Amino acid sequence: MIYAVIDTNVLVSALITHNSLSATAKVVRLLLEGEFVPLYESCIIEEYQEVLHRSKFKLLPGVADALISYIMEHGIETSRTAFLELMPDEADRVFYEVSLSVADSFLVTGNLKHYPQTPKVISPTDFVKVINRME
């Protein structure tokens, strides 16, 4: 099984794009098809709620709520594993620390510069390739 923490920017991009073939849209589609198990923690869910309900994105509240509910129902709530080094963006620490809590999991993000450069941190495009290779 493949486990992944999905950065909020990936969900936003997937929900606002008009291109159903974009990598972020594919990540959400693969999520909904059960091709990987999302990992989360309460702070991540809180960020999803706050960001996906921002009026500037013009998302229907039901769409955001359904996606967040799906993640909570089909994902695994896990604790954080402390990462003691400085982060390029401290606000993203929770995503990285949750990804550290499960061996061989991924952190899927459109902001690679915000995280330590490790094989664990991966772009949506590369994550789709990983899943396609597993099939």
Protein backbone atom coordinates (compact mmCIF):
# COMPACT_ATOMS: atom_id res chain seq x y z
CA MET A 1 0.00 0.00 0.00
CA ILE A 2 1.13 3.53 -0.75
CA TYR A 3 0.74 6.17 1.96
CA ALA A 4 0.91 9.91 1.38
CA VAL A 5 0.36 13.23 3.07
CA ILE A 6 -1.22 15.64 0.61
CA ASP A 7 -0.18 19.28 0.98
CA THR A 8 -3.06 21.73 0.93
CA ASN A 9 -1.76 23.42 -2.23
CA VAL A 10 -2.27 20.17 -4.15
CA LEU A 11 -5.93 19.98 -3.10
CA VAL A 12 -6.55 23.64 -3.92
CA SER A 13 -4.94 23.30 -7.33
CA ALA A 14 -6.90 20.15 -8.11
CA LEU A 15 -10.21 21.75 -7.15
CA ILE A 16 -9.74 25.02 -9.02
CA THR A 17 -8.17 23.72 -12.21
CA HIS A 18 -10.13 23.45 -15.43
CA ASN A 19 -7.68 20.81 -16.66
CA SER A 20 -8.80 17.36 -15.57
CA LEU A 21 -5.47 15.99 -16.86
CA SER A 22 -3.35 18.14 -14.54
CA ALA A 23 -1.14 16.25 -12.10
CA THR A 24 -3.00 17.65 -9.09
CA ALA A 25 -6.37 16.56 -10.50
CA LYS A 26 -4.88 13.12 -11.12
CA VAL A 27 -3.67 12.93 -7.51
CA VAL A 28 -7.17 13.65 -6.19
CA ARG A 29 -8.68 11.18 -8.66
CA LEU A 30 -6.19 8.49 -7.52
CA LEU A 31 -7.09 9.31 -3.92
CA LEU A 32 -10.80 8.86 -4.62
CA GLU A 33 -10.09 5.61 -6.49
CA GLY A 34 -8.29 4.24 -3.43
CA GLU A 35 -4.88 4.00 -5.11
CA PHE A 36 -3.18 5.35 -1.98
CA VAL A 37 -4.02 5.96 1.65
CA PRO A 38 -3.91 9.56 2.85
CA LEU A 39 -2.21 10.33 6.14
CA TYR A 40 -3.39 13.21 8.28
CA GLU A 41 -3.36 14.78 11.71
CA SER A 42 -5.84 17.21 13.26
CA CYS A 43 -3.76 20.30 12.35
CA ILE A 44 -3.73 19.21 8.70
CA ILE A 45 -7.52 18.78 8.69
CA GLU A 46 -7.87 22.23 10.28
CA GLU A 47 -5.71 23.74 7.53
CA TYR A 48 -7.70 21.95 4.82
CA GLN A 49 -10.92 23.34 6.35
CA GLU A 50 -9.59 26.87 6.61
CA VAL A 51 -7.94 27.08 3.19
CA LEU A 52 -10.50 25.19 1.10
CA HIS A 53 -13.28 27.40 2.47
CA ARG A 54 -11.57 30.68 1.52
CA SER A 55 -13.92 32.71 -0.63
CA LYS A 56 -11.18 33.60 -3.12
CA PHE A 57 -11.14 30.01 -4.39
CA LYS A 58 -14.89 30.04 -5.10
CA LEU A 59 -15.28 26.37 -4.21
CA LEU A 60 -18.67 25.03 -3.32
CA PRO A 61 -18.54 24.29 0.42
CA GLY A 62 -20.01 20.84 -0.20
CA VAL A 63 -17.11 19.91 -2.49
CA ALA A 64 -14.47 20.92 0.05
CA ASP A 65 -16.35 19.22 2.89
CA ALA A 66 -16.82 16.01 0.88
CA LEU A 67 -13.12 15.81 0.03
CA ILE A 68 -12.05 16.44 3.62
CA SER A 69 -14.57 13.86 4.88
CA TYR A 70 -13.27 11.34 2.36
CA ILE A 71 -9.71 11.88 3.58
CA MET A 72 -10.79 11.39 7.19
CA GLU A 73 -12.90 8.31 6.45
CA HIS A 74 -10.41 6.54 4.17
CA GLY A 75 -7.16 7.86 5.56
CA ILE A 76 -5.12 7.15 8.63
CA GLU A 77 -4.88 9.67 11.43
CA THR A 78 -1.36 9.54 12.73
CA SER A 79 0.84 11.45 15.09
CA ARG A 80 3.79 13.63 14.18
CA THR A 81 7.39 12.48 14.31
CA ALA A 82 9.54 15.36 15.48
CA PHE A 83 11.90 16.85 12.92
CA LEU A 84 14.42 18.94 14.81
CA GLU A 85 15.95 20.88 11.93
CA LEU A 86 14.74 24.25 10.71
CA MET A 87 12.17 24.17 7.93
CA PRO A 88 12.21 26.56 4.95
CA ASP A 89 8.57 27.34 5.84
CA GLU A 90 7.74 26.51 9.47
CA ALA A 91 4.01 26.58 8.73
CA ASP A 92 4.49 23.40 6.68
CA ARG A 93 6.24 21.48 9.47
CA VAL A 94 3.13 19.46 10.37
CA PHE A 95 2.90 17.98 6.87
CA TYR A 96 6.52 16.85 6.92
CA GLU A 97 6.34 15.49 10.46
CA VAL A 98 3.21 13.48 9.68
CA SER A 99 4.93 12.04 6.61
CA LEU A 100 7.80 10.93 8.86
CA SER A 101 5.40 8.96 11.06
CA VAL A 102 4.89 6.19 8.47
CA ALA A 103 7.89 4.54 6.84
CA ASP A 104 8.07 4.84 3.06
CA SER A 105 5.22 7.35 2.89
CA PHE A 106 5.30 10.38 0.60
CA LEU A 107 4.61 14.06 1.06
CA VAL A 108 2.98 15.30 -2.14
CA THR A 109 3.41 19.04 -2.63
CA GLY A 110 3.60 21.71 -5.26
CA ASN A 111 6.02 23.63 -3.03
CA LEU A 112 9.11 21.44 -3.00
CA LYS A 113 11.23 24.36 -1.76
CA HIS A 114 9.26 24.43 1.52
CA TYR A 115 10.57 21.04 2.61
CA PRO A 116 13.85 19.22 3.12
CA GLN A 117 14.97 17.69 -0.15
CA THR A 118 14.44 13.97 0.39
CA PRO A 119 12.95 11.19 -1.74
CA LYS A 120 9.95 11.34 0.60
CA VAL A 121 8.99 14.83 -0.67
CA ILE A 122 7.59 14.55 -4.18
CA SER A 123 5.73 16.63 -6.75
CA PRO A 124 2.23 15.66 -7.88
CA THR A 125 3.63 14.70 -11.31
CA ASP A 126 6.23 12.37 -9.81
CA PHE A 127 3.70 10.91 -7.36
CA VAL A 128 1.38 9.99 -10.24
CA LYS A 129 4.35 8.27 -11.93
CA VAL A 130 5.09 6.30 -8.74
CA ILE A 131 1.51 5.06 -8.55
CA ASN A 132 1.41 4.20 -12.25
CA ARG A 133 4.59 2.13 -11.87
CA MET A 134 2.98 0.20 -8.99
CA GLU A 135 0.00 -0.90 -11.09
